[in-house]
């Protein structure tokens, strides 16, 4: 609870966004008999990362900005809270991903070259800068690239909060539109120029410039900025006494647009789907849910869904370690159970990843968050502006 309202529905939304990404990575072979629209929608699961970026900006604005756009806590207190929020699970999944990463690197390169690559990759990953180097973005636990992008967003947010008070609130809609268009520039340029050469352009495509467009924090910054500006609008609305429960149309429209865009498949160019195109639809969904969301908000606010949503960060980062564990489980159980089928593979990954995420959230993420914040408190106190207040769960 915060500022007179509850954002449990947004926490619940996190679970379904994370699940969409997991299904994108692991479910497509199991969906061959499914309708085309469903296969397309699951195949667009990569776009759910953009939902996270918009949602992140929105929740940070809701949590830390006042009606004038200023931060209500010191920069060090903010950064300490962010480190405590993301790093314990990030470090755990880094360690869990080490054995397969080391094995693959040694197999492909031999010990000498592997040692160099592993050292550079590990340092970059632990420092949350791998997303700036296209060849390293997916090197060590692939979902971690988006955490590196979020790390950049966290560094930008306090500076952004110094600039927001200079804006006229009446210009926010125009500014959000401009930010959205700015986010579309990289994918549109890529589609037009095709710098990596001709050929099919989909989720399986590769290339240096495609990786730059997809993973570089600067290319994804407009989605986060869109969420921050939208969150500031919400803060101002609530301060002015906006009525809760009026977001059912917004939330429903946003959800419908996201589903329709995903179901459209290759009719929408892949780079646009990956970057920024769906930011307004995500914003409609997030803003509508924050204002109540009607039936959709009610469903996403159920205790079980909120609990899963709170564990969604762990689910997102555990998906590849769970996949590795599922392969080992298949070898152990193969004399009795055949998991080497698309459906068996998907089921084993989900049965490992979802319960594991709940356990990691309870026994690793939650207790270590408090310990890390306590350890960083002397650094925060030295700033002289470390006062803070409780934050929205899952923020």
Protein backbone atom coordinates (compact mmCIF):
# COMPACT_ATOMS: atom_id res chain seq x y z
CA UNK A 1 0.00 0.00 0.00
CA UNK A 2 1.24 3.50 -0.77
CA UNK A 3 -0.21 6.96 -1.16
CA UNK A 4 -3.74 5.92 -0.60
CA UNK A 5 -3.83 3.16 -3.17
CA UNK A 6 -2.65 -0.34 -3.88
CA UNK A 7 -0.82 -1.51 -6.99
CA UNK A 8 -1.20 -5.25 -6.40
CA UNK A 9 -2.59 -5.65 -9.92
CA UNK A 10 0.70 -4.39 -11.34
CA UNK A 11 2.56 -6.94 -9.26
CA UNK A 12 0.26 -9.63 -10.63
CA UNK A 13 0.92 -8.34 -14.15
CA UNK A 14 4.62 -8.99 -13.63
CA UNK A 15 3.99 -12.71 -13.37
CA UNK A 16 2.17 -12.94 -16.68
CA UNK A 17 4.77 -10.78 -18.40
CA UNK A 18 7.56 -13.02 -17.09
CA UNK A 19 5.58 -16.14 -18.02
CA UNK A 20 5.14 -14.78 -21.55
CA UNK A 21 8.92 -14.52 -21.89
CA UNK A 22 9.43 -18.03 -20.51
CA UNK A 23 6.85 -19.47 -22.90
CA UNK A 24 8.54 -17.67 -25.78
CA UNK A 25 11.81 -19.41 -24.94
CA UNK A 26 10.47 -22.88 -24.18
CA UNK A 27 6.88 -23.40 -25.36
CA UNK A 28 6.90 -22.86 -29.10
CA UNK A 29 7.70 -26.49 -30.08
CA UNK A 30 4.81 -27.66 -27.88
CA UNK A 31 2.35 -25.33 -29.63
CA UNK A 32 2.54 -26.75 -33.15
CA UNK A 33 -1.05 -28.08 -32.96
CA UNK A 34 -2.33 -24.78 -31.50
CA UNK A 35 -4.18 -22.11 -33.50
CA UNK A 36 -1.98 -19.75 -35.50
CA UNK A 37 -2.89 -16.71 -33.42
CA UNK A 38 -1.79 -18.46 -30.23
CA UNK A 39 1.49 -19.59 -31.77
CA UNK A 40 2.10 -16.05 -32.94
CA UNK A 41 1.26 -14.59 -29.56
CA UNK A 42 3.65 -16.92 -27.71
CA UNK A 43 6.22 -16.28 -30.43
CA UNK A 44 6.03 -12.58 -29.59
CA UNK A 45 6.91 -13.20 -25.95
CA UNK A 46 10.09 -11.17 -26.37
CA UNK A 47 7.88 -8.07 -26.48
CA UNK A 48 6.94 -8.60 -22.82
CA UNK A 49 10.36 -7.22 -21.87
CA UNK A 50 9.12 -3.87 -23.21
CA UNK A 51 6.14 -4.15 -20.86
CA UNK A 52 8.61 -4.52 -18.00
CA UNK A 53 10.51 -1.39 -19.07
CA UNK A 54 7.35 0.72 -19.19
CA UNK A 55 6.12 -0.78 -15.92
CA UNK A 56 9.47 -0.14 -14.25
CA UNK A 57 9.42 3.54 -15.14
CA UNK A 58 5.81 3.87 -14.03
CA UNK A 59 6.34 2.22 -10.64
CA UNK A 60 9.53 4.15 -9.92
CA UNK A 61 7.71 7.40 -10.65
CA UNK A 62 4.79 6.34 -8.46
CA UNK A 63 7.13 5.29 -5.71
CA UNK A 64 9.68 8.09 -5.66
CA UNK A 65 8.31 11.25 -7.32
CA UNK A 66 6.17 13.97 -5.80
CA UNK A 67 3.56 15.94 -7.75
CA UNK A 68 6.26 18.33 -8.98
CA UNK A 69 8.41 15.50 -10.34
CA UNK A 70 11.06 15.70 -7.63
CA UNK A 71 12.44 12.63 -5.88
CA UNK A 72 11.18 12.16 -2.34
CA UNK A 73 14.33 10.37 -1.25
CA UNK A 74 18.06 10.86 -1.62
CA UNK A 75 19.92 9.48 -4.60
CA UNK A 76 22.00 7.11 -2.50
CA UNK A 77 18.95 5.76 -0.71
CA UNK A 78 17.31 5.17 -4.08
CA UNK A 79 20.34 3.40 -5.54
CA UNK A 80 20.80 1.29 -2.41
CA UNK A 81 17.19 0.17 -2.65
CA UNK A 82 17.69 -0.73 -6.33
CA UNK A 83 20.85 -2.74 -5.66
CA UNK A 84 19.15 -4.57 -2.80
CA UNK A 85 16.17 -5.26 -5.04
CA UNK A 86 17.92 -6.72 -8.08
CA UNK A 87 21.38 -7.96 -7.14
CA UNK A 88 20.89 -10.93 -4.77
CA UNK A 89 18.83 -12.99 -7.25
CA UNK A 90 20.95 -11.72 -10.13
CA UNK A 91 24.09 -12.98 -8.40
CA UNK A 92 22.46 -16.31 -7.55
CA UNK A 93 21.47 -16.95 -11.16
CA UNK A 94 24.94 -15.84 -12.30
CA UNK A 95 26.40 -18.60 -10.15
CA UNK A 96 23.83 -21.16 -11.29
CA UNK A 97 24.62 -20.32 -14.91
CA UNK A 98 28.37 -20.61 -14.44
CA UNK A 99 28.76 -24.39 -15.02
CA UNK A 100 26.98 -24.53 -18.41
CA UNK A 101 28.61 -21.25 -19.50
CA UNK A 102 32.08 -22.50 -18.63
CA UNK A 103 31.48 -25.90 -20.24
CA UNK A 104 30.15 -24.40 -23.48
CA UNK A 105 32.98 -21.88 -23.68
CA UNK A 106 35.70 -24.49 -23.11
CA UNK A 107 34.11 -26.88 -25.61
CA UNK A 108 33.94 -24.21 -28.30
CA UNK A 109 37.25 -22.43 -27.70
CA UNK A 110 39.65 -24.51 -25.64
CA UNK A 111 40.95 -23.54 -22.21
CA UNK A 112 43.18 -20.56 -23.10
CA UNK A 113 40.71 -18.59 -25.19
CA UNK A 114 37.85 -19.71 -22.93
CA UNK A 115 39.63 -18.30 -19.87
CA UNK A 116 39.84 -14.87 -21.49
CA UNK A 117 36.24 -14.90 -22.71
CA UNK A 118 34.94 -16.16 -19.37
CA UNK A 119 36.85 -13.52 -17.42
CA UNK A 120 35.66 -10.66 -19.62
CA UNK A 121 32.11 -12.03 -19.71
CA UNK A 122 31.94 -12.58 -15.96
CA UNK A 123 33.29 -9.11 -15.11
CA UNK A 124 30.93 -7.41 -17.56
CA UNK A 125 27.96 -9.41 -16.30
CA UNK A 126 28.68 -8.81 -12.64
CA UNK A 127 29.17 -5.10 -13.34
CA UNK A 128 25.83 -4.97 -15.21
CA UNK A 129 27.39 -3.59 -18.39
CA UNK A 130 27.07 -6.60 -20.72
CA UNK A 131 24.14 -5.07 -22.60
CA UNK A 132 26.48 -2.37 -23.94
CA UNK A 133 28.56 -5.04 -25.72
CA UNK A 134 26.40 -6.92 -28.27
CA UNK A 135 28.51 -10.08 -28.21
CA UNK A 136 28.30 -10.29 -24.42
CA UNK A 137 24.62 -9.38 -23.98
CA UNK A 138 23.42 -13.00 -24.00
CA UNK A 139 26.68 -14.67 -23.01
CA UNK A 140 26.00 -15.42 -19.35
CA UNK A 141 22.39 -16.25 -18.38
CA UNK A 142 20.74 -14.50 -21.37
CA UNK A 143 17.82 -12.82 -19.50
CA UNK A 144 20.39 -10.87 -17.49
CA UNK A 145 20.84 -8.39 -20.36
CA UNK A 146 17.60 -6.66 -19.41
CA UNK A 147 18.78 -6.30 -15.80
CA UNK A 148 21.84 -4.49 -17.14
CA UNK A 149 19.51 -2.22 -19.09
CA UNK A 150 17.48 -1.59 -15.93
CA UNK A 151 20.71 -0.78 -14.11
CA UNK A 152 21.30 2.02 -16.59
CA UNK A 153 17.74 3.23 -16.09
CA UNK A 154 18.31 3.37 -12.32
CA UNK A 155 21.41 5.49 -12.85
CA UNK A 156 19.45 7.86 -15.09
CA UNK A 157 16.36 8.19 -12.89
CA UNK A 158 17.74 10.61 -10.23
CA UNK A 159 19.03 12.93 -12.95
CA UNK A 160 15.70 12.72 -14.73
CA UNK A 161 13.97 13.75 -11.51
CA UNK A 162 16.00 16.96 -11.49
CA UNK A 163 14.74 17.79 -14.97
CA UNK A 164 11.05 16.93 -14.59
CA UNK A 165 10.17 19.94 -12.38
CA UNK A 166 11.17 22.22 -15.26
CA UNK A 167 8.43 20.76 -17.47
CA UNK A 168 4.93 22.07 -17.82
CA UNK A 169 2.57 19.22 -16.85
CA UNK A 170 0.20 20.25 -19.64
CA UNK A 171 2.85 19.20 -22.13
CA UNK A 172 3.21 15.67 -20.79
CA UNK A 173 1.01 14.01 -23.44
CA UNK A 174 3.03 15.63 -26.22
CA UNK A 175 6.29 14.69 -24.53
CA UNK A 176 5.19 11.08 -24.14
CA UNK A 177 4.35 10.99 -27.83
CA UNK A 178 7.77 12.41 -28.68
CA UNK A 179 9.51 9.86 -26.46
CA UNK A 180 7.56 7.05 -28.12
CA UNK A 181 8.55 8.25 -31.60
CA UNK A 182 12.17 8.51 -30.44
CA UNK A 183 12.01 4.88 -29.33
CA UNK A 184 10.77 3.87 -32.79
CA UNK A 185 13.70 5.50 -34.58
CA UNK A 186 16.22 2.62 -34.11
CA UNK A 187 13.87 -0.20 -35.24
CA UNK A 188 12.49 1.82 -38.16
CA UNK A 189 16.01 2.67 -39.33
CA UNK A 190 16.97 -0.97 -39.04
CA UNK A 191 13.98 -2.14 -41.08
CA UNK A 192 14.67 0.46 -43.77
CA UNK A 193 18.46 0.19 -43.97
CA UNK A 194 18.94 -3.50 -43.11
CA UNK A 195 22.58 -2.96 -42.06
CA UNK A 196 23.12 -6.67 -41.36
CA UNK A 197 22.14 -7.58 -44.91
CA UNK A 198 19.02 -9.06 -46.57
CA UNK A 199 17.15 -12.11 -45.35
CA UNK A 200 14.35 -13.13 -43.05
CA UNK A 201 13.89 -10.78 -40.13
CA UNK A 202 12.34 -12.48 -37.11
CA UNK A 203 13.08 -13.54 -33.53
CA UNK A 204 15.71 -16.00 -34.79
CA UNK A 205 17.64 -13.39 -36.79
CA UNK A 206 21.10 -12.29 -35.75
CA UNK A 207 23.58 -9.60 -36.62
CA UNK A 208 25.69 -6.96 -34.94
CA UNK A 209 23.39 -4.03 -35.66
CA UNK A 210 20.28 -5.98 -34.74
CA UNK A 211 21.87 -6.76 -31.37
CA UNK A 212 22.77 -3.10 -30.88
CA UNK A 213 19.17 -2.12 -31.57
CA UNK A 214 17.71 -4.80 -29.29
CA UNK A 215 19.99 -4.72 -26.28
CA UNK A 216 21.77 -1.36 -26.00
CA UNK A 217 20.36 0.56 -23.01
CA UNK A 218 20.17 3.83 -24.95
CA UNK A 219 17.95 2.19 -27.57
CA UNK A 220 15.55 0.98 -24.86
CA UNK A 221 15.63 4.16 -22.75
CA UNK A 222 12.55 5.74 -24.42
CA UNK A 223 10.33 2.90 -23.19
CA UNK A 224 11.45 3.54 -19.63
CA UNK A 225 11.05 7.31 -20.03
CA UNK A 226 7.54 6.76 -21.37
CA UNK A 227 6.73 4.82 -18.20
CA UNK A 228 8.24 7.49 -15.94
CA UNK A 229 6.23 10.27 -17.57
CA UNK A 230 3.09 8.18 -17.39
CA UNK A 231 3.78 7.41 -13.73
CA UNK A 232 4.21 11.09 -12.98
CA UNK A 233 0.83 11.73 -14.62
CA UNK A 234 -0.64 9.14 -12.28
CA UNK A 235 0.99 10.70 -9.22
CA UNK A 236 -0.48 14.06 -10.16
CA UNK A 237 -3.90 12.55 -10.82
CA UNK A 238 -3.99 10.82 -7.45
CA UNK A 239 -2.86 13.98 -5.66
CA UNK A 240 -5.72 15.82 -7.35
CA UNK A 241 -8.19 13.24 -6.07
CA UNK A 242 -8.66 11.14 -9.21
CA UNK A 243 -11.26 8.41 -8.77
CA UNK A 244 -10.01 4.86 -8.31
CA UNK A 245 -11.74 2.20 -10.35
CA UNK A 246 -12.08 4.20 -13.56
CA UNK A 247 -9.37 2.32 -15.44
CA UNK A 248 -11.32 -0.67 -16.73
CA UNK A 249 -11.58 0.66 -20.28
CA UNK A 250 -7.90 1.67 -20.39
CA UNK A 251 -6.69 -1.65 -18.98
CA UNK A 252 -8.93 -3.70 -21.26
CA UNK A 253 -7.93 -1.71 -24.34
CA UNK A 254 -4.24 -1.99 -23.50
CA UNK A 255 -4.48 -5.75 -22.95
CA UNK A 256 -6.46 -6.20 -26.18
CA UNK A 257 -3.89 -4.23 -28.18
CA UNK A 258 -1.00 -6.25 -26.75
CA UNK A 259 -2.72 -9.55 -27.53
CA UNK A 260 -3.77 -8.43 -31.01
CA UNK A 261 -0.27 -7.22 -31.87
CA UNK A 262 1.26 -10.46 -30.68
CA UNK A 263 -1.31 -12.55 -32.55
CA UNK A 264 -0.58 -10.64 -35.77
CA UNK A 265 2.72 -12.46 -36.08
CA UNK A 266 5.04 -11.40 -38.90
CA UNK A 267 2.53 -8.86 -40.20
CA UNK A 268 4.26 -6.45 -37.82
CA UNK A 269 8.03 -6.13 -38.41
CA UNK A 270 10.01 -7.89 -35.71
CA UNK A 271 12.29 -4.93 -34.79
CA UNK A 272 9.28 -2.70 -34.12
CA UNK A 273 7.62 -5.36 -31.97
CA UNK A 274 10.85 -5.80 -30.05
CA UNK A 275 11.44 -2.09 -29.42
CA UNK A 276 8.96 0.59 -28.39
CA UNK A 277 6.02 -0.05 -30.75
CA UNK A 278 3.83 -1.43 -27.98
CA UNK A 279 4.81 1.13 -25.34
CA UNK A 280 1.47 3.02 -25.62
CA UNK A 281 -0.48 -0.25 -25.32
CA UNK A 282 1.62 -1.23 -22.29
CA UNK A 283 1.02 2.23 -20.87
CA UNK A 284 -2.74 1.91 -21.28
CA UNK A 285 -2.69 -1.43 -19.48
CA UNK A 286 -0.46 -0.24 -16.65
CA UNK A 287 -2.30 3.07 -16.15
CA UNK A 288 -5.68 1.36 -16.26
CA UNK A 289 -4.62 -1.24 -13.71
CA UNK A 290 -3.20 1.46 -11.44
CA UNK A 291 -6.60 3.18 -11.53
CA UNK A 292 -8.41 -0.03 -10.62
CA UNK A 293 -8.59 -2.02 -13.82
CA UNK A 294 -12.09 -3.44 -13.32
CA UNK A 295 -12.38 -7.18 -13.86
CA UNK A 296 -8.79 -7.40 -15.11
CA UNK A 297 -7.44 -5.58 -12.09
CA UNK A 298 -9.53 -7.80 -9.81
CA UNK A 299 -8.07 -10.95 -11.37
CA UNK A 300 -4.49 -9.72 -11.21
CA UNK A 301 -4.96 -8.68 -7.57
CA UNK A 302 -5.84 -12.16 -6.31
CA UNK A 303 -3.44 -13.20 -3.51
CA UNK A 304 -1.99 -16.16 -5.43
CA UNK A 305 -1.34 -14.06 -8.53
CA UNK A 306 0.23 -11.28 -6.46
CA UNK A 307 2.43 -13.85 -4.73
CA UNK A 308 3.57 -15.21 -8.08
CA UNK A 309 4.07 -11.67 -9.32
CA UNK A 310 6.32 -10.89 -6.39
CA UNK A 311 8.43 -13.91 -7.41
CA UNK A 312 8.38 -13.00 -11.12
CA UNK A 313 11.85 -11.43 -11.10
CA UNK A 314 13.25 -14.72 -9.84
CA UNK A 315 11.20 -16.62 -12.42
CA UNK A 316 12.53 -14.43 -15.21
CA UNK A 317 16.17 -14.98 -14.22
CA UNK A 318 15.80 -18.66 -13.30
CA UNK A 319 14.33 -19.80 -16.62
CA UNK A 320 17.63 -20.82 -18.21
CA UNK A 321 19.05 -22.52 -15.11
CA UNK A 322 15.71 -24.34 -14.90
CA UNK A 323 16.11 -25.39 -18.52
CA UNK A 324 19.55 -26.83 -17.73
CA UNK A 325 18.10 -28.66 -14.73
CA UNK A 326 15.27 -30.01 -16.88
CA UNK A 327 17.79 -31.55 -19.29
CA UNK A 328 19.54 -33.31 -16.44
CA UNK A 329 16.19 -34.44 -15.03
CA UNK A 330 15.25 -35.89 -18.40
CA UNK A 331 18.39 -38.04 -18.39
CA UNK A 332 17.67 -39.31 -14.89
CA UNK A 333 13.99 -40.08 -15.52
CA UNK A 334 14.30 -41.31 -19.11
CA UNK A 335 13.98 -45.02 -18.20
CA UNK A 336 10.56 -44.33 -16.65
CA UNK A 337 9.22 -41.04 -18.05
CA UNK A 338 9.75 -39.58 -21.50
CA UNK A 339 10.33 -35.88 -21.05
CA UNK A 340 12.04 -35.56 -24.41
CA UNK A 341 8.91 -34.23 -26.09
CA UNK A 342 7.92 -30.60 -26.65
CA UNK A 343 5.15 -30.79 -24.06
CA UNK A 344 7.24 -32.79 -21.58
CA UNK A 345 10.12 -30.35 -21.96
CA UNK A 346 7.89 -27.33 -21.36
CA UNK A 347 6.18 -28.97 -18.40
CA UNK A 348 9.45 -29.90 -16.74
CA UNK A 349 10.83 -26.36 -17.15
CA UNK A 350 7.70 -24.77 -15.67
CA UNK A 351 7.47 -27.32 -12.85
CA UNK A 352 11.03 -26.49 -11.91
CA UNK A 353 11.08 -22.74 -12.57
CA UNK A 354 7.82 -21.58 -10.96
CA UNK A 355 8.19 -23.31 -7.56
CA UNK A 356 11.90 -22.46 -7.54
CA UNK A 357 11.10 -18.79 -8.12
CA UNK A 358 8.71 -18.75 -5.18
CA UNK A 359 11.32 -20.37 -2.93
CA UNK A 360 14.07 -18.04 -4.11
CA UNK A 361 11.85 -15.02 -3.56
CA UNK A 362 11.04 -16.13 -0.03
CA UNK A 363 14.39 -17.45 1.16
CA UNK A 364 16.91 -15.49 -0.92
CA UNK A 365 15.44 -12.32 -2.42
CA UNK A 366 13.39 -11.07 0.52
CA UNK A 367 15.86 -11.66 3.39
CA UNK A 368 18.93 -10.59 1.41
CA UNK A 369 17.20 -7.42 0.27
CA UNK A 370 16.97 -6.32 3.90
CA UNK A 371 20.56 -7.34 4.61
CA UNK A 372 21.97 -5.55 1.57
CA UNK A 373 20.09 -2.36 2.42
CA UNK A 374 21.37 -2.57 5.98
CA UNK A 375 24.92 -3.08 4.73
CA UNK A 376 24.61 -0.06 2.44
CA UNK A 377 23.02 2.16 5.08
CA UNK A 378 26.29 3.78 6.23
CA UNK A 379 26.94 4.83 2.61
CA UNK A 380 23.38 6.19 2.40
CA UNK A 381 23.69 8.06 5.71
CA UNK A 382 26.94 9.67 4.56
CA UNK A 383 24.95 11.39 1.81
CA UNK A 384 22.97 13.38 4.33
CA UNK A 385 19.75 12.90 2.28
CA UNK A 386 18.94 9.29 2.84
CA UNK A 387 15.45 9.54 4.29
CA UNK A 388 13.05 7.28 2.50
CA UNK A 389 9.65 5.71 2.90
CA UNK A 390 8.18 2.25 2.31
CA UNK A 391 7.98 1.33 -1.36
CA UNK A 392 5.38 -0.51 -3.39
CA UNK A 393 5.88 -4.30 -3.17
CA UNK A 394 7.82 -5.56 -6.12
CA UNK A 395 9.07 -2.10 -7.10
